[in-house]
Protein backbone atom coordinates (compact mmCIF):
# COMPACT_ATOMS: atom_id res chain seq x y z
CA MET A 1 23.32 25.88 8.19
CA LYS A 2 20.14 24.02 7.65
CA ARG A 3 18.84 23.74 4.37
CA ASP A 4 16.05 21.87 2.38
CA SER A 5 17.73 19.47 0.28
CA LEU A 6 15.55 20.16 -2.55
CA SER A 7 15.96 23.91 -2.48
CA ILE A 8 19.70 23.73 -3.86
CA ARG A 9 20.42 22.35 -7.30
CA SER A 10 23.30 20.04 -8.08
CA GLU A 11 26.62 21.57 -9.58
CA TRP A 12 29.14 19.37 -10.60
CA PRO A 13 32.75 19.82 -8.88
CA GLN A 14 35.18 21.93 -10.32
CA GLY A 15 38.18 20.23 -11.98
CA PRO A 16 38.80 16.66 -12.82
CA LEU A 17 37.49 14.02 -10.36
CA THR A 18 38.99 10.70 -9.00
CA ASP A 19 36.86 7.59 -9.33
CA ILE A 20 35.77 7.95 -5.51
CA GLU A 21 35.03 11.53 -5.90
CA ARG A 22 32.76 10.94 -8.71
CA SER A 23 31.02 8.07 -6.94
CA GLU A 24 30.65 9.98 -3.84
CA PHE A 25 29.05 12.65 -5.93
CA TYR A 26 26.73 10.81 -7.51
CA LEU A 27 25.58 8.81 -4.15
CA ARG A 28 25.33 12.17 -2.48
CA GLU A 29 22.89 13.36 -5.26
CA GLY A 30 21.11 9.93 -5.42
CA GLU A 31 20.34 10.26 -1.58
CA ARG A 32 19.19 14.00 -2.06
CA LEU A 33 16.69 13.26 -4.65
CA ALA A 34 15.59 10.38 -2.89
CA HIS A 35 15.10 12.11 0.70
CA MET A 36 17.39 9.16 1.97
CA GLY A 37 20.29 9.28 4.50
CA SER A 38 22.99 6.79 5.35
CA TRP A 39 24.59 6.18 8.95
CA SER A 40 26.67 4.14 10.89
CA LEU A 41 26.18 3.54 14.82
CA ARG A 42 28.74 1.94 16.91
CA ALA A 43 28.33 -0.42 19.76
CA ASP A 44 28.86 2.39 22.37
CA GLY A 45 26.14 4.26 21.02
CA ILE A 46 28.03 6.53 19.00
CA PHE A 47 27.11 7.69 15.61
CA ASP A 48 30.36 7.85 13.67
CA TYR A 49 28.81 8.74 10.43
CA TRP A 50 25.80 10.43 8.91
CA SER A 51 25.58 11.40 5.20
CA PRO A 52 24.55 15.05 4.25
CA GLU A 53 20.88 14.11 3.67
CA THR A 54 20.60 12.56 7.11
CA PHE A 55 21.19 15.83 8.52
CA VAL A 56 18.61 17.42 6.22
CA ILE A 57 15.76 14.92 6.77
CA PHE A 58 16.15 14.95 10.61
CA ASP A 59 16.82 18.87 10.51
CA PHE A 60 20.09 18.85 12.41
CA ASP A 61 22.89 21.35 11.72
CA PRO A 62 26.09 19.78 10.33
CA SER A 63 28.48 22.42 11.67
CA GLU A 64 27.56 21.23 15.12
CA GLY A 65 28.66 17.62 14.41
CA ILE A 66 26.88 14.41 14.37
CA PRO A 67 24.09 14.14 17.39
CA THR A 68 24.27 11.62 20.04
CA LEU A 69 22.05 8.66 19.97
CA THR A 70 20.13 10.69 22.83
CA GLN A 71 19.67 13.73 20.73
CA TRP A 72 18.66 11.96 17.64
CA LEU A 73 15.90 9.91 19.63
CA ALA A 74 14.47 13.08 21.13
CA ALA A 75 13.29 14.18 17.66
CA VAL A 76 11.37 10.71 17.45
CA GLN A 77 8.14 10.79 18.72
CA PRO A 78 7.53 8.29 22.14
CA ASP A 79 5.87 5.36 20.54
CA GLY A 80 8.61 5.32 17.95
CA ARG A 81 11.22 6.20 20.37
CA ASP A 82 10.60 2.99 22.31
CA LEU A 83 10.53 0.81 19.15
CA LEU A 84 13.92 2.10 18.00
CA THR A 85 15.40 1.53 21.23
CA ARG A 86 14.33 -1.96 21.31
CA THR A 87 15.01 -2.53 17.85
CA ILE A 88 18.65 -1.17 18.20
CA ASP A 89 19.24 -3.37 21.18
CA LYS A 90 18.00 -6.41 19.49
CA MET A 91 20.05 -6.12 16.59
CA PHE A 92 23.24 -5.50 18.45
CA ARG A 93 22.46 -8.32 20.93
CA GLU A 94 21.27 -11.03 18.28
CA GLY A 95 22.82 -9.68 15.26
CA VAL A 96 19.88 -9.30 13.19
CA ARG A 97 18.45 -6.74 10.72
CA GLY A 98 16.31 -4.31 11.60
CA ASP A 99 13.35 -2.48 9.62
CA VAL A 100 11.15 0.17 11.56
CA ARG A 101 8.67 2.87 10.62
CA TYR A 102 8.34 5.85 12.92
CA TRP A 103 7.21 9.53 12.97
CA VAL A 104 9.44 12.38 13.89
CA ASP A 105 8.71 15.89 14.76
CA HIS A 106 10.67 17.86 12.23
CA PRO A 107 11.18 21.62 13.11
CA LYS A 108 10.17 22.95 9.92
CA LYS A 109 8.01 20.34 8.31
CA GLY A 110 6.09 19.03 11.31
CA LYS A 111 5.09 15.62 11.71
CA ARG A 112 7.23 13.17 9.34
CA MET A 113 7.18 9.43 8.43
CA MET A 114 10.57 7.91 8.50
CA HIS A 115 11.43 4.16 7.42
CA SER A 116 14.76 3.05 8.70
CA THR A 117 16.68 -0.24 7.72
CA GLY A 118 19.98 -1.44 9.30
CA GLU A 119 22.27 -4.32 9.12
CA PRO A 120 24.74 -5.69 12.02
CA VAL A 121 28.68 -5.36 10.88
CA LEU A 122 30.57 -8.14 12.85
CA GLU A 123 34.13 -8.51 13.86
CA ASN A 124 35.51 -11.72 15.17
CA GLY A 125 31.82 -12.84 15.51
CA LYS A 126 30.77 -9.86 17.63
CA VAL A 127 28.38 -6.96 16.62
CA THR A 128 30.59 -3.77 16.40
CA ARG A 129 28.43 -1.43 14.65
CA LEU A 130 25.13 -1.02 12.68
CA ILE A 131 25.18 0.39 8.93
CA GLY A 132 21.75 1.46 7.59
CA ASN A 133 19.75 3.91 5.75
CA THR A 134 16.54 6.32 6.63
CA LEU A 135 14.44 7.27 3.95
CA ASP A 136 11.56 10.02 4.44
CA ILE A 137 8.38 8.28 3.18
CA THR A 138 5.82 10.70 4.43
CA GLU A 139 4.01 11.37 1.14
CA GLN A 140 4.00 7.70 0.54
CA GLU A 141 2.45 7.09 3.98
CA ILE A 142 -0.02 10.09 3.47
CA ALA A 143 -1.27 8.70 -0.12
CA THR A 144 -1.58 5.07 1.47
CA GLN A 145 -3.77 6.42 4.45
CA ASP A 146 -5.96 8.29 2.10
CA LEU A 147 -6.30 5.24 -0.25
CA HIS A 148 -7.49 3.06 2.94
CA ARG A 149 -9.66 5.70 3.84
CA SER A 150 -11.30 6.00 0.36
CA GLU A 151 -11.47 2.23 0.24
CA ALA A 152 -13.15 2.04 3.57
CA TYR A 153 -15.83 4.99 2.58
CA LEU A 154 -16.50 3.00 -0.80
CA ALA A 155 -16.91 -0.27 0.88
CA GLU A 156 -19.41 1.26 3.70
CA ALA A 157 -21.31 3.23 0.55
CA GLN A 158 -21.63 0.16 -1.35
CA ARG A 159 -22.86 -2.06 1.85
CA LEU A 160 -25.71 0.83 2.62
CA SER A 161 -26.64 1.08 -0.94
CA HIS A 162 -26.43 -2.76 -1.66
CA THR A 163 -24.25 -1.88 -4.83
CA GLY A 164 -21.16 -4.04 -5.64
CA SER A 165 -18.31 -3.50 -8.30
CA PHE A 166 -16.19 -5.78 -9.96
CA GLY A 167 -13.28 -5.66 -12.75
CA CYS A 168 -12.68 -8.42 -15.24
CA LYS A 169 -9.65 -8.77 -17.84
CA PHE A 170 -10.99 -10.84 -20.38
CA SER A 171 -7.58 -11.74 -21.81
CA SER A 172 -6.80 -13.73 -18.80
CA GLY A 173 -10.06 -14.30 -16.98
CA GLU A 174 -8.64 -12.30 -13.69
CA MET A 175 -11.59 -10.67 -11.98
CA PHE A 176 -11.80 -8.82 -8.96
CA TRP A 177 -15.00 -8.29 -6.90
CA SER A 178 -15.78 -5.79 -3.94
CA GLU A 179 -16.83 -7.01 -0.70
CA GLU A 180 -20.58 -6.41 -1.54
CA THR A 181 -20.42 -8.23 -4.82
CA PHE A 182 -19.94 -11.30 -2.88
CA GLY A 183 -22.81 -10.57 -0.82
CA ILE A 184 -25.30 -9.67 -4.00
CA PHE A 185 -24.38 -13.05 -5.51
CA GLY A 186 -24.68 -15.03 -2.23
CA TYR A 187 -21.10 -15.97 -2.29
CA ASN A 188 -18.58 -16.16 0.60
CA ARG A 189 -15.11 -14.74 0.38
CA ALA A 190 -13.47 -18.15 -0.05
CA ILE A 191 -14.56 -18.43 -3.64
CA THR A 192 -12.46 -17.38 -6.55
CA PRO A 193 -14.39 -14.41 -8.36
CA ALA A 194 -15.02 -15.59 -12.13
CA VAL A 195 -17.62 -15.10 -14.92
CA GLU A 196 -19.03 -18.79 -14.26
CA ALA A 197 -19.79 -17.88 -10.70
CA ILE A 198 -21.84 -14.86 -11.87
CA LEU A 199 -23.41 -17.16 -14.63
CA GLN A 200 -24.60 -19.71 -11.97
CA ARG A 201 -26.52 -17.07 -10.29
CA VAL A 202 -28.24 -15.73 -13.34
CA HIS A 203 -31.69 -16.75 -13.93
CA PRO A 204 -32.15 -19.36 -16.60
CA GLU A 205 -34.39 -17.14 -18.97
CA ASP A 206 -31.43 -14.39 -18.68
CA LYS A 207 -28.32 -16.59 -18.83
CA ALA A 208 -28.19 -16.84 -22.89
CA ARG A 209 -28.32 -12.88 -23.04
CA VAL A 210 -25.91 -12.52 -20.38
CA GLN A 211 -23.24 -14.70 -22.26
CA GLU A 212 -23.84 -12.90 -25.26
CA ASN A 213 -23.22 -9.56 -23.65
CA ILE A 214 -20.08 -10.60 -22.18
CA HIS A 215 -19.05 -12.09 -25.45
CA LEU A 216 -19.64 -8.70 -27.03
CA ALA A 217 -17.89 -6.93 -24.51
CA ALA A 218 -14.76 -9.30 -24.58
CA SER A 219 -14.49 -9.45 -28.55
CA GLU A 220 -15.74 -6.27 -29.67
CA GLY A 221 -15.00 -4.01 -26.61
CA LYS A 222 -18.82 -2.67 -26.50
CA GLY A 223 -19.93 -1.30 -23.21
CA LEU A 224 -23.33 -2.76 -22.57
CA ARG A 225 -25.97 -2.45 -19.93
CA SER A 226 -28.23 -5.25 -19.14
CA GLY A 227 -31.00 -5.85 -16.58
CA ILE A 228 -30.70 -9.47 -15.15
CA GLU A 229 -32.62 -11.72 -12.67
CA VAL A 230 -30.52 -13.42 -10.26
CA LEU A 231 -30.71 -16.47 -8.24
CA VAL A 232 -29.01 -16.21 -4.65
CA THR A 233 -27.97 -19.14 -2.68
CA THR A 234 -28.60 -18.60 1.02
CA ILE A 235 -27.03 -20.46 4.14
CA LEU A 236 -29.36 -21.59 6.93
CA ASP A 237 -28.30 -20.71 10.30
CA ASN A 238 -28.41 -24.08 12.10
CA ASN A 239 -27.54 -27.01 9.75
CA GLN A 240 -25.61 -25.08 6.93
CA GLN A 241 -27.86 -26.62 4.31
CA THR A 242 -28.46 -24.46 1.07
CA GLU A 243 -31.71 -23.90 -0.69
CA ARG A 244 -32.07 -21.73 -4.06
CA ALA A 245 -33.94 -18.70 -3.44
CA LYS A 246 -37.38 -18.73 -5.06
CA LYS A 247 -37.73 -16.19 -7.99
CA ILE A 248 -36.35 -13.13 -6.31
CA ASP A 249 -36.81 -9.91 -8.46
CA ARG A 250 -33.42 -8.69 -7.70
CA TYR A 251 -32.01 -6.66 -10.95
CA CYS A 252 -28.29 -5.94 -11.72
CA ARG A 253 -27.08 -3.21 -13.86
CA VAL A 254 -24.25 -4.84 -15.52
CA ILE A 255 -21.57 -2.29 -17.33
CA PHE A 256 -18.81 -4.09 -19.48
CA PRO A 257 -16.24 -1.61 -20.85
CA ALA A 258 -13.65 -2.88 -23.30
CA ILE A 259 -10.70 -4.53 -22.13
CA PHE A 260 -10.65 -4.11 -18.60
CA ALA A 261 -14.48 -4.63 -17.99
CA ILE A 262 -15.52 -2.51 -14.72
CA ALA A 263 -19.13 -3.42 -13.74
CA SER A 264 -21.47 -1.66 -11.49
CA ILE A 265 -24.08 -3.99 -10.09
CA ALA A 266 -27.32 -2.47 -8.25
CA ILE A 267 -29.46 -4.61 -6.58
CA PHE A 268 -33.22 -3.59 -6.13
CA VAL A 269 -35.80 -5.89 -4.46
CA HIS A 270 -39.38 -5.45 -5.48
CA PRO A 271 -42.04 -5.19 -2.52
CA GLY A 272 -43.48 -8.68 -3.67
CA SER A 273 -40.23 -10.63 -3.17
C-alpha cells in the first residue's frame, strides 16, 4: 500500500529493542523526516536493497518488491534517464563516485527533483555493487529557481533605472555591490568593493561630509541620506586611456542603516551635463 511518509506519525516499537533494532528505527525515521532513501545496486543491474523511504519518494509499492533498474528509470524524465545510465555505467567501469540531480514524474506529486549520490563497493579489486542515497530536493530547487529569478528581475530593474545597491558590514569592512553599482561608480568587476573605492569617486567638495556620514552610521547606527556629487572614470575604447569625467551632475541617495548598512544608490543626470 502506497503512502506519504509525512502523513504517518512515528511509533516506538513495542517491547524491548536490541541495539540493532533501535539503530534501524532511528535510521528509518531519519530518512522519513529528511525525504531521503538509501539503496544498493549490484553489478548485474539488480537492486538488492531499497529502504522504506526510497519506495515512498519514487511512489513504488513495497508489496510488489524492489523494482528493476528498467522500471525505476522509467519514472525518470528522459534527460535524467540518459544521465543516470551513463553515470551508473561509469561508476561500475571506473570505480568512481556518482552525484547527479534529475527530475522524476511522481504519480501523486507531479514533477519532483531528486539528488542521488553513490559510491562503488570493491571486492578483490572489482566493483561489485553501488550503494547510495536519494534525496527529494524539490522544495529547495524551486526556492533556488525563485531566488535566481528574483535576482535577475532585480538586476534588470536596476539596469533600466540606473539604480545600484550595496551592503557594508562596518565591523569587518566587508562590502557587496550590485552589478549596476559598479557601473554607476565607473568601476569594472575586477575591483574589490570597498568604502575607499566609493570615496575615490566622490567630488572633493562632498568627501568630508560623506566620510562623516559613514562614521556616524558605523559608530552610532544612524540611518542617513546624503546627496553627493560623483566623479566617474571612463575607459576610452581604443587606447584604454582613462580620463576623469568633467564635473557631472550625478547625485546619489545613500542610505546607511545600522550595523549592516544597505544603501540604495540612484543616479540622476541633469540635462546640462
